[in-house]
C-alpha atoms as a PDB file:
ATOM      1  CA  UNK A   1      -4.964 188.326 100.971  1.00  0.00           C
ATOM      2  CA  UNK A   2      -5.973 187.309 104.519  1.00  0.00           C
ATOM      3  CA  UNK A   3      -6.616 190.429 106.609  1.00  0.00           C
ATOM      4  CA  UNK A   4      -7.803 190.885 110.179  1.00  0.00           C
ATOM      5  CA  UNK A   5     -10.206 193.696 111.073  1.00  0.00           C
ATOM      6  CA  UNK A   6     -10.803 194.891 114.652  1.00  0.00           C
ATOM      7  CA  UNK A   7     -13.771 197.184 115.324  1.00  0.00           C
ATOM      8  CA  UNK A   8     -17.066 197.061 113.440  1.00  0.00           C
ATOM      9  CA  UNK A   9     -18.679 200.376 114.322  1.00  0.00           C
ATOM     10  CA  UNK A  10     -20.145 202.774 111.770  1.00  0.00           C
ATOM     11  CA  UNK A  11     -16.821 203.125 109.957  1.00  0.00           C
ATOM     12  CA  UNK A  12     -15.234 199.726 110.489  1.00  0.00           C
ATOM     13  CA  UNK A  13     -18.296 197.852 109.292  1.00  0.00           C
ATOM     14  CA  UNK A  14     -18.472 199.798 106.023  1.00  0.00           C
ATOM     15  CA  UNK A  15     -14.741 199.491 105.384  1.00  0.00           C
ATOM     16  CA  UNK A  16     -14.641 195.766 106.077  1.00  0.00           C
ATOM     17  CA  UNK A  17     -17.672 195.100 103.864  1.00  0.00           C
ATOM     18  CA  UNK A  18     -15.870 196.815 100.974  1.00  0.00           C
ATOM     19  CA  UNK A  19     -12.796 194.654 101.531  1.00  0.00           C
ATOM     20  CA  UNK A  20     -14.840 191.442 101.509  1.00  0.00           C
ATOM     21  CA  UNK A  21     -16.734 192.458  98.367  1.00  0.00           C
ATOM     22  CA  UNK A  22     -13.399 193.134  96.665  1.00  0.00           C
ATOM     23  CA  UNK A  23     -12.146 189.617  97.331  1.00  0.00           C
ATOM     24  CA  UNK A  24     -10.208 189.962 100.583  1.00  0.00           C
ATOM     25  CA  UNK A  25     -10.466 187.117 103.087  1.00  0.00           C
ATOM     26  CA  UNK A  26     -11.390 188.763 106.370  1.00  0.00           C
ATOM     27  CA  UNK A  27     -11.246 187.642 109.994  1.00  0.00           C
ATOM     28  CA  UNK A  28     -13.150 190.120 112.139  1.00  0.00           C
ATOM     29  CA  UNK A  29     -13.477 190.948 115.825  1.00  0.00           C
ATOM     30  CA  UNK A  30     -15.675 193.353 117.736  1.00  0.00           C
ATOM     31  CA  UNK A  31     -16.087 193.822 121.481  1.00  0.00           C
ATOM     32  CA  UNK A  32     -19.786 193.011 120.960  1.00  0.00           C
ATOM     33  CA  UNK A  33     -19.353 189.864 118.858  1.00  0.00           C
ATOM     34  CA  UNK A  34     -22.943 189.973 117.530  1.00  0.00           C
ATOM     35  CA  UNK A  35     -21.859 192.938 115.377  1.00  0.00           C
ATOM     36  CA  UNK A  36     -19.788 190.435 113.372  1.00  0.00           C
ATOM     37  CA  UNK A  37     -22.879 188.553 112.160  1.00  0.00           C
ATOM     38  CA  UNK A  38     -23.476 190.621 109.011  1.00  0.00           C
ATOM     39  CA  UNK A  39     -19.833 190.224 108.011  1.00  0.00           C
ATOM     40  CA  UNK A  40     -19.998 186.469 108.579  1.00  0.00           C
ATOM     41  CA  UNK A  41     -22.995 186.307 106.225  1.00  0.00           C
ATOM     42  CA  UNK A  42     -20.784 187.941 103.584  1.00  0.00           C
ATOM     43  CA  UNK A  43     -18.043 185.370 104.113  1.00  0.00           C
ATOM     44  CA  UNK A  44     -15.897 186.659 106.975  1.00  0.00           C
ATOM     45  CA  UNK A  45     -14.555 184.528 109.806  1.00  0.00           C
ATOM     46  CA  UNK A  46     -14.748 185.549 113.467  1.00  0.00           C
ATOM     47  CA  UNK A  47     -11.765 185.865 115.766  1.00  0.00           C
ATOM     48  CA  UNK A  48     -12.738 185.444 119.424  1.00  0.00           C
ATOM     49  CA  UNK A  49     -10.115 187.960 120.580  1.00  0.00           C
ATOM     50  CA  UNK A  50      -7.777 190.540 118.993  1.00  0.00           C
ATOM     51  CA  UNK A  51      -4.891 188.145 119.711  1.00  0.00           C
ATOM     52  CA  UNK A  52      -6.661 185.357 117.814  1.00  0.00           C
ATOM     53  CA  UNK A  53      -7.124 187.629 114.794  1.00  0.00           C
ATOM     54  CA  UNK A  54      -3.460 188.671 114.772  1.00  0.00           C
ATOM     55  CA  UNK A  55      -2.315 185.068 115.134  1.00  0.00           C
ATOM     56  CA  UNK A  56      -4.296 184.074 112.037  1.00  0.00           C
ATOM     57  CA  UNK A  57      -3.564 187.065 109.784  1.00  0.00           C
ATOM     58  CA  UNK A  58      -0.406 188.610 108.355  1.00  0.00           C
ATOM     59  CA  UNK A  59      -2.002 192.055 108.399  1.00  0.00           C
ATOM     60  CA  UNK A  60      -4.493 193.351 110.959  1.00  0.00           C
ATOM     61  CA  UNK A  61      -6.425 196.616 110.628  1.00  0.00           C
ATOM     62  CA  UNK A  62      -8.062 198.348 113.602  1.00  0.00           C
ATOM     63  CA  UNK A  63     -10.816 200.995 113.483  1.00  0.00           C
ATOM     64  CA  UNK A  64     -11.621 201.851 117.098  1.00  0.00           C
ATOM     65  CA  UNK A  65     -13.527 204.628 118.828  1.00  0.00           C
ATOM     66  CA  UNK A  66     -10.929 206.490 120.883  1.00  0.00           C
ATOM     67  CA  UNK A  67      -7.398 206.348 122.370  1.00  0.00           C
ATOM     68  CA  UNK A  68      -8.380 204.328 125.451  1.00  0.00           C
ATOM     69  CA  UNK A  69      -9.981 201.595 123.341  1.00  0.00           C
ATOM     70  CA  UNK A  70      -7.086 201.627 120.866  1.00  0.00           C
ATOM     71  CA  UNK A  71      -4.662 201.082 123.747  1.00  0.00           C
ATOM     72  CA  UNK A  72      -6.738 198.385 125.470  1.00  0.00           C
ATOM     73  CA  UNK A  73      -7.090 196.338 122.275  1.00  0.00           C
ATOM     74  CA  UNK A  74      -3.310 196.268 121.971  1.00  0.00           C
ATOM     75  CA  UNK A  75      -2.174 195.963 125.605  1.00  0.00           C
ATOM     76  CA  UNK A  76      -4.945 194.140 127.492  1.00  0.00           C
ATOM     77  CA  UNK A  77      -5.208 190.382 128.012  1.00  0.00           C
ATOM     78  CA  UNK A  78      -5.822 188.592 124.681  1.00  0.00           C
ATOM     79  CA  UNK A  79      -4.715 191.787 122.954  1.00  0.00           C
ATOM     80  CA  UNK A  80      -2.760 192.385 119.776  1.00  0.00           C
ATOM     81  CA  UNK A  81       0.577 192.401 121.581  1.00  0.00           C
ATOM     82  CA  UNK A  82       0.243 188.744 122.616  1.00  0.00           C
ATOM     83  CA  UNK A  83       0.509 187.518 119.016  1.00  0.00           C
ATOM     84  CA  UNK A  84       2.223 190.260 117.019  1.00  0.00           C
ATOM     85  CA  UNK A  85       5.673 189.178 115.823  1.00  0.00           C
ATOM     86  CA  UNK A  86       8.160 189.452 112.975  1.00  0.00           C
ATOM     87  CA  UNK A  87       6.404 189.230 109.613  1.00  0.00           C
ATOM     88  CA  UNK A  88       3.089 190.635 110.882  1.00  0.00           C
ATOM     89  CA  UNK A  89       1.780 194.163 110.393  1.00  0.00           C
ATOM     90  CA  UNK A  90      -0.661 196.206 112.483  1.00  0.00           C
ATOM     91  CA  UNK A  91      -2.485 199.138 110.882  1.00  0.00           C
ATOM     92  CA  UNK A  92      -4.412 201.375 113.279  1.00  0.00           C
ATOM     93  CA  UNK A  93      -6.944 203.502 111.389  1.00  0.00           C
ATOM     94  CA  UNK A  94      -8.554 204.909 114.561  1.00  0.00           C
ATOM     95  CA  UNK A  95      -8.458 208.640 115.282  1.00  0.00           C
ATOM     96  CA  UNK A  96      -6.140 209.028 118.273  1.00  0.00           C
ATOM     97  CA  UNK A  97      -3.502 211.496 119.455  1.00  0.00           C
ATOM     98  CA  UNK A  98       0.130 211.217 118.370  1.00  0.00           C
ATOM     99  CA  UNK A  99       1.240 210.028 121.821  1.00  0.00           C
ATOM    100  CA  UNK A 100      -1.172 207.068 121.687  1.00  0.00           C
ATOM    101  CA  UNK A 101       0.068 206.151 118.205  1.00  0.00           C
ATOM    102  CA  UNK A 102       3.672 206.314 119.392  1.00  0.00           C
ATOM    103  CA  UNK A 103       2.975 204.051 122.390  1.00  0.00           C
ATOM    104  CA  UNK A 104       1.309 201.474 120.153  1.00  0.00           C
ATOM    105  CA  UNK A 105       4.078 201.721 117.564  1.00  0.00           C
ATOM    106  CA  UNK A 106       6.827 201.186 120.143  1.00  0.00           C
ATOM    107  CA  UNK A 107       5.044 198.149 121.572  1.00  0.00           C
ATOM    108  CA  UNK A 108       4.406 196.554 118.170  1.00  0.00           C
ATOM    109  CA  UNK A 109       7.924 197.121 116.849  1.00  0.00           C
ATOM    110  CA  UNK A 110       9.504 195.897 120.107  1.00  0.00           C
ATOM    111  CA  UNK A 111       7.872 192.520 119.364  1.00  0.00           C
ATOM    112  CA  UNK A 112       9.264 192.515 115.827  1.00  0.00           C
ATOM    113  CA  UNK A 113       6.029 193.562 114.120  1.00  0.00           C
ATOM    114  CA  UNK A 114       5.578 196.493 111.772  1.00  0.00           C
ATOM    115  CA  UNK A 115       3.228 199.402 112.465  1.00  0.00           C
ATOM    116  CA  UNK A 116       1.331 201.972 110.479  1.00  0.00           C
ATOM    117  CA  UNK A 117      -1.095 204.582 111.735  1.00  0.00           C
ATOM    118  CA  UNK A 118      -3.678 205.404 109.074  1.00  0.00           C
ATOM    119  CA  UNK A 119      -6.573 207.543 110.350  1.00  0.00           C
ATOM    120  CA  UNK A 120      -9.112 208.542 107.735  1.00  0.00           C
ATOM    121  CA  UNK A 121     -10.846 211.722 106.683  1.00  0.00           C
ATOM    122  CA  UNK A 122     -14.486 210.961 105.892  1.00  0.00           C
ATOM    123  CA  UNK A 123     -17.536 209.583 107.660  1.00  0.00           C
ATOM    124  CA  UNK A 124     -20.201 206.938 107.036  1.00  0.00           C
ATOM    125  CA  UNK A 125     -21.085 207.659 103.377  1.00  0.00           C
ATOM    126  CA  UNK A 126     -17.474 207.965 102.138  1.00  0.00           C
ATOM    127  CA  UNK A 127     -16.657 204.789 104.083  1.00  0.00           C
ATOM    128  CA  UNK A 128     -19.524 202.941 102.390  1.00  0.00           C
ATOM    129  CA  UNK A 129     -18.512 204.292  98.972  1.00  0.00           C
ATOM    130  CA  UNK A 130     -14.791 203.577  99.379  1.00  0.00           C
ATOM    131  CA  UNK A 131     -14.074 207.308  99.157  1.00  0.00           C
ATOM    132  CA  UNK A 132     -12.115 207.911 102.357  1.00  0.00           C
ATOM    133  CA  UNK A 133      -8.864 209.896 102.482  1.00  0.00           C
ATOM    134  CA  UNK A 134      -6.216 207.855 104.287  1.00  0.00           C
ATOM    135  CA  UNK A 135      -3.547 209.674 106.314  1.00  0.00           C
ATOM    136  CA  UNK A 136      -0.806 207.134 106.933  1.00  0.00           C
ATOM    137  CA  UNK A 137       2.501 207.350 108.785  1.00  0.00           C
ATOM    138  CA  UNK A 138       4.994 204.838 110.098  1.00  0.00           C
ATOM    139  CA  UNK A 139       6.734 202.009 108.293  1.00  0.00           C
ATOM    140  CA  UNK A 140       6.871 202.768 104.568  1.00  0.00           C
ATOM    141  CA  UNK A 141       7.206 199.097 103.587  1.00  0.00           C
ATOM    142  CA  UNK A 142       3.939 198.280 105.382  1.00  0.00           C
ATOM    143  CA  UNK A 143       2.286 201.284 103.730  1.00  0.00           C
ATOM    144  CA  UNK A 144       3.299 199.950 100.300  1.00  0.00           C
ATOM    145  CA  UNK A 145       1.953 196.485 101.177  1.00  0.00           C
ATOM    146  CA  UNK A 146      -1.330 198.009 102.408  1.00  0.00           C
ATOM    147  CA  UNK A 147      -1.999 200.016  99.245  1.00  0.00           C
ATOM    148  CA  UNK A 148      -4.293 197.350  97.674  1.00  0.00           C
ATOM    149  CA  UNK A 149      -6.553 197.536 100.749  1.00  0.00           C
ATOM    150  CA  UNK A 150      -6.287 201.326 100.995  1.00  0.00           C
ATOM    151  CA  UNK A 151      -7.283 201.654  97.338  1.00  0.00           C
ATOM    152  CA  UNK A 152     -10.535 199.803  98.108  1.00  0.00           C
ATOM    153  CA  UNK A 153     -11.347 201.758 101.268  1.00  0.00           C
ATOM    154  CA  UNK A 154     -10.282 205.174 100.039  1.00  0.00           C
ATOM    155  CA  UNK A 155      -9.984 207.483  97.067  1.00  0.00           C
ATOM    156  CA  UNK A 156      -6.533 208.793  98.042  1.00  0.00           C
ATOM    157  CA  UNK A 157      -3.780 207.759 100.446  1.00  0.00           C
ATOM    158  CA  UNK A 158      -1.049 210.004 101.823  1.00  0.00           C
ATOM    159  CA  UNK A 159       2.185 208.796 103.410  1.00  0.00           C
ATOM    160  CA  UNK A 160       3.177 211.459 105.936  1.00  0.00           C
ATOM    161  CA  UNK A 161       6.433 210.116 107.346  1.00  0.00           C
ATOM    162  CA  UNK A 162       7.050 209.249 110.976  1.00  0.00           C
ATOM    163  CA  UNK A 163       4.442 207.863 113.377  1.00  0.00           C
ATOM    164  CA  UNK A 164       2.373 210.665 114.867  1.00  0.00           C
ATOM    165  CA  UNK A 165       2.077 212.703 111.690  1.00  0.00           C
ATOM    166  CA  UNK A 166      -1.045 210.848 110.575  1.00  0.00           C
ATOM    167  CA  UNK A 167      -2.719 211.449 113.937  1.00  0.00           C
ATOM    168  CA  UNK A 168      -1.761 215.133 113.892  1.00  0.00           C
ATOM    169  CA  UNK A 169      -3.056 215.657 110.354  1.00  0.00           C
ATOM    170  CA  UNK A 170      -6.377 214.003 111.202  1.00  0.00           C
ATOM    171  CA  UNK A 171      -6.828 216.144 114.312  1.00  0.00           C
ATOM    172  CA  UNK A 172      -6.111 219.343 112.355  1.00  0.00           C
ATOM    173  CA  UNK A 173      -8.670 218.334 109.703  1.00  0.00           C
ATOM    174  CA  UNK A 174     -11.338 217.457 112.279  1.00  0.00           C
ATOM    175  CA  UNK A 175     -10.649 220.612 114.273  1.00  0.00           C
ATOM    176  CA  UNK A 176     -11.333 222.696 111.159  1.00  0.00           C
ATOM    177  CA  UNK A 177     -14.443 220.634 110.394  1.00  0.00           C
ATOM    178  CA  UNK A 178     -15.844 221.033 113.907  1.00  0.00           C
ATOM    179  CA  UNK A 179     -15.234 224.773 113.895  1.00  0.00           C
ATOM    180  CA  UNK A 180     -16.906 225.100 110.497  1.00  0.00           C
ATOM    181  CA  UNK A 181     -19.939 223.136 111.678  1.00  0.00           C
ATOM    182  CA  UNK A 182     -20.436 225.555 114.563  1.00  0.00           C
ATOM    183  CA  UNK A 183     -20.227 228.623 112.327  1.00  0.00           C
ATOM    184  CA  UNK A 184     -22.607 226.935 109.869  1.00  0.00           C
ATOM    185  CA  UNK A 185     -25.086 226.194 112.679  1.00  0.00           C
ATOM    186  CA  UNK A 186     -24.996 229.800 113.878  1.00  0.00           C
ATOM    187  CA  UNK A 187     -25.562 230.991 110.315  1.00  0.00           C
ATOM    188  CA  UNK A 188     -28.606 228.760 109.837  1.00  0.00           C
ATOM    189  CA  UNK A 189     -30.167 229.983 113.074  1.00  0.00           C
ATOM    190  CA  UNK A 190     -29.319 233.621 112.299  1.00  0.00           C
ATOM    191  CA  UNK A 191     -30.925 233.349 108.867  1.00  0.00           C
ATOM    192  CA  UNK A 192     -34.060 231.758 110.315  1.00  0.00           C
ATOM    193  CA  UNK A 193     -34.444 234.257 113.175  1.00  0.00           C
ATOM    194  CA  UNK A 194     -33.857 237.126 110.744  1.00  0.00           C
ATOM    195  CA  UNK A 195     -36.822 236.036 108.651  1.00  0.00           C
ATOM    196  CA  UNK A 196     -34.763 234.453 105.864  1.00  0.00           C
ATOM    197  CA  UNK A 197     -35.390 231.044 104.341  1.00  0.00           C
ATOM    198  CA  UNK A 198     -32.577 228.662 105.467  1.00  0.00           C
ATOM    199  CA  UNK A 199     -32.969 226.672 102.242  1.00  0.00           C
ATOM    200  CA  UNK A 200     -32.215 229.835 100.277  1.00  0.00           C
ATOM    201  CA  UNK A 201     -29.119 230.358 102.445  1.00  0.00           C
ATOM    202  CA  UNK A 202     -27.952 226.866 101.442  1.00  0.00           C
ATOM    203  CA  UNK A 203     -28.441 227.741  97.762  1.00  0.00           C
ATOM    204  CA  UNK A 204     -26.485 230.980  98.157  1.00  0.00           C
ATOM    205  CA  UNK A 205     -23.639 229.288 100.031  1.00  0.00           C
ATOM    206  CA  UNK A 206     -23.401 226.562  97.397  1.00  0.00           C
ATOM    207  CA  UNK A 207     -22.765 229.145  94.680  1.00  0.00           C
ATOM    208  CA  UNK A 208     -20.068 231.069  96.536  1.00  0.00           C
ATOM    209  CA  UNK A 209     -16.442 230.766  97.532  1.00  0.00           C
ATOM    210  CA  UNK A 210     -17.209 228.750 100.678  1.00  0.00           C
ATOM    211  CA  UNK A 211     -19.290 226.090  98.922  1.00  0.00           C
ATOM    212  CA  UNK A 212     -18.295 222.667 100.228  1.00  0.00           C
ATOM    213  CA  UNK A 213     -19.613 219.097 100.406  1.00  0.00           C
ATOM    214  CA  UNK A 214     -20.268 219.263 104.167  1.00  0.00           C
ATOM    215  CA  UNK A 215     -22.682 222.205 103.899  1.00  0.00           C
ATOM    216  CA  UNK A 216     -24.305 220.576 100.864  1.00  0.00           C
ATOM    217  CA  UNK A 217     -24.788 217.222 102.626  1.00  0.00           C
ATOM    218  CA  UNK A 218     -25.575 218.327 106.180  1.00  0.00           C
ATOM    219  CA  UNK A 219     -27.580 221.504 105.614  1.00  0.00           C
ATOM    220  CA  UNK A 220     -30.858 219.952 104.415  1.00  0.00           C
ATOM    221  CA  UNK A 221     -30.862 217.283 107.131  1.00  0.00           C
ATOM    222  CA  UNK A 222     -30.092 219.823 109.859  1.00  0.00           C
ATOM    223  CA  UNK A 223     -33.030 221.980 108.770  1.00  0.00           C
ATOM    224  CA  UNK A 224     -35.194 218.842 109.049  1.00  0.00           C
ATOM    225  CA  UNK A 225     -33.777 218.092 112.531  1.00  0.00           C
ATOM    226  CA  UNK A 226     -32.449 214.786 111.208  1.00  0.00           C
ATOM    227  CA  UNK A 227     -29.211 213.786 112.936  1.00  0.00           C
ATOM    228  CA  UNK A 228     -28.816 210.145 111.957  1.00  0.00           C
ATOM    229  CA  UNK A 229     -25.182 209.516 112.922  1.00  0.00           C
ATOM    230  CA  UNK A 230     -22.612 209.456 110.149  1.00  0.00           C
ATOM    231  CA  UNK A 231     -19.995 210.784 112.573  1.00  0.00           C
ATOM    232  CA  UNK A 232     -21.176 210.749 116.203  1.00  0.00           C
ATOM    233  CA  UNK A 233     -20.976 214.052 118.024  1.00  0.00           C
ATOM    234  CA  UNK A 234     -19.159 212.481 120.996  1.00  0.00           C
ATOM    235  CA  UNK A 235     -16.304 211.507 118.670  1.00  0.00           C
ATOM    236  CA  UNK A 236     -16.158 214.994 117.148  1.00  0.00           C
ATOM    237  CA  UNK A 237     -15.868 216.486 120.631  1.00  0.00           C
ATOM    238  CA  UNK A 238     -13.118 213.981 121.473  1.00  0.00           C
ATOM    239  CA  UNK A 239     -11.214 215.114 118.383  1.00  0.00           C
ATOM    240  CA  UNK A 240     -11.658 218.804 119.302  1.00  0.00           C
ATOM    241  CA  UNK A 241     -10.239 218.033 122.751  1.00  0.00           C
ATOM    242  CA  UNK A 242      -7.244 216.200 121.293  1.00  0.00           C
ATOM    243  CA  UNK A 243      -6.646 218.972 118.731  1.00  0.00           C
ATOM    244  CA  UNK A 244      -6.695 221.608 121.481  1.00  0.00           C
ATOM    245  CA  UNK A 245      -4.152 219.533 123.418  1.00  0.00           C
ATOM    246  CA  UNK A 246      -1.971 219.491 120.290  1.00  0.00           C
ATOM    247  CA  UNK A 247      -2.348 223.271 120.183  1.00  0.00           C
ATOM    248  CA  UNK A 248      -1.184 223.463 123.812  1.00  0.00           C
ATOM    249  CA  UNK A 249       1.894 221.371 122.995  1.00  0.00           C
ATOM    250  CA  UNK A 250       2.830 223.707 120.149  1.00  0.00           C
ATOM    251  CA  UNK A 251       1.802 227.004 121.789  1.00  0.00           C
ATOM    252  CA  UNK A 252      -0.836 227.678 119.132  1.00  0.00           C
ATOM    253  CA  UNK A 253      -3.710 229.918 120.225  1.00  0.00           C
ATOM    254  CA  UNK A 254      -7.003 228.423 118.987  1.00  0.00           C
ATOM    255  CA  UNK A 255      -9.905 230.489 120.379  1.00  0.00           C
ATOM    256  CA  UNK A 256     -12.299 229.491 117.581  1.00  0.00           C
ATOM    257  CA  UNK A 257     -11.657 225.767 118.098  1.00  0.00           C
ATOM    258  CA  UNK A 258     -11.940 226.213 121.873  1.00  0.00           C
ATOM    259  CA  UNK A 259     -15.361 227.846 121.510  1.00  0.00           C
ATOM    260  CA  UNK A 260     -16.461 225.083 119.136  1.00  0.00           C
ATOM    261  CA  UNK A 261     -15.330 222.470 121.652  1.00  0.00           C
ATOM    262  CA  UNK A 262     -17.494 224.115 124.331  1.00  0.00           C
ATOM    263  CA  UNK A 263     -20.503 223.921 122.009  1.00  0.00           C
ATOM    264  CA  UNK A 264     -19.923 220.202 121.407  1.00  0.00           C
ATOM    265  CA  UNK A 265     -19.554 219.647 125.165  1.00  0.00           C
ATOM    266  CA  UNK A 266     -22.839 221.489 125.687  1.00  0.00           C
ATOM    267  CA  UNK A 267     -24.470 219.217 123.097  1.00  0.00           C
ATOM    268  CA  UNK A 268     -23.162 216.149 124.926  1.00  0.00           C
ATOM    269  CA  UNK A 269     -24.624 217.474 128.187  1.00  0.00           C
ATOM    270  CA  UNK A 270     -27.979 217.722 126.402  1.00  0.00           C
ATOM    271  CA  UNK A 271     -27.790 214.009 125.553  1.00  0.00           C
ATOM    272  CA  UNK A 272     -26.855 214.478 121.885  1.00  0.00           C
ATOM    273  CA  UNK A 273     -23.547 212.611 121.954  1.00  0.00           C
ATOM    274  CA  UNK A 274     -24.694 209.584 119.955  1.00  0.00           C
ATOM    275  CA  UNK A 275     -26.312 211.696 117.232  1.00  0.00           C
ATOM    276  CA  UNK A 276     -24.458 213.100 114.237  1.00  0.00           C
ATOM    277  CA  UNK A 277     -22.001 215.892 114.999  1.00  0.00           C
ATOM    278  CA  UNK A 278     -24.287 218.284 113.099  1.00  0.00           C
ATOM    279  CA  UNK A 279     -26.650 218.042 116.105  1.00  0.00           C
ATOM    280  CA  UNK A 280     -24.534 220.835 117.633  1.00  0.00           C
ATOM    281  CA  UNK A 281     -27.068 222.951 115.692  1.00  0.00           C
ATOM    282  CA  UNK A 282     -29.520 222.159 118.503  1.00  0.00           C
ATOM    283  CA  UNK A 283     -27.336 223.943 121.056  1.00  0.00           C
ATOM    284  CA  UNK A 284     -27.462 227.164 119.027  1.00  0.00           C
ATOM    285  CA  UNK A 285     -31.233 226.896 118.702  1.00  0.00           C
ATOM    286  CA  UNK A 286     -31.542 226.189 122.446  1.00  0.00           C
ATOM    287  CA  UNK A 287     -29.417 229.224 123.367  1.00  0.00           C
ATOM    288  CA  UNK A 288     -31.471 231.383 121.024  1.00  0.00           C
ATOM    289  CA  UNK A 289     -34.761 230.244 122.561  1.00  0.00           C
ATOM    290  CA  UNK A 290     -33.566 230.714 126.145  1.00  0.00           C
ATOM    291  CA  UNK A 291     -32.271 234.260 125.615  1.00  0.00           C
END
């Protein structure tokens, strides 16, 4: 199967490598074309523009950083919209808001193409291991056709109905994750300042009712001040902002998520935006030291 792939960041690179290694023929594009080099070494072709990729491939997948980039790749000159047509499918796996997904969907379908939003739950390691959770919505026929690719990139795919539902589900998941990371960071600092061993706290947490893979994976690296980015903090803060906007639309009070968003914004102001989202831990430590 010939598939196009737009966006070779932390996630897109890992996902596309898995597709190539599983026998898919890939044509790739990235705004910085040099990021395509590793994929070319594995057998991928390069498309000079998103339009060129769509022209060549029946199915094109996008994994882009935020709503503005997702929109520009579709609507700008040499964008997806110039070549999408009947018989071609566009699958946007970026994390965006429901309104952005709907705008892209309307544009794609107006040209005769089919559209699926399919944001993923999971970061760098699950992407590398093909263990993402895929949250798809849109055209069911395209979802069914995409299952062979989804099965390589992820461990489970959900079809959630109409366009927008995938985006909403992803924002709810990431809102919970961001709020948990803040509480976890406060707990680590509280344990340390109280004279407790943070490593012992991790052991205790892992044996209780709130044991979870995120604490297990992130805790040891946070204690070591290691924030190599699996999921950049700037993207986590973007997702908190979009989730809070979704809360506004639905009149849902979210004081915990709002406080977590402020902590991520503080971390960005400290220059931590390109580090892993667990670097929000540094803001708690900074506040503790300054008080």
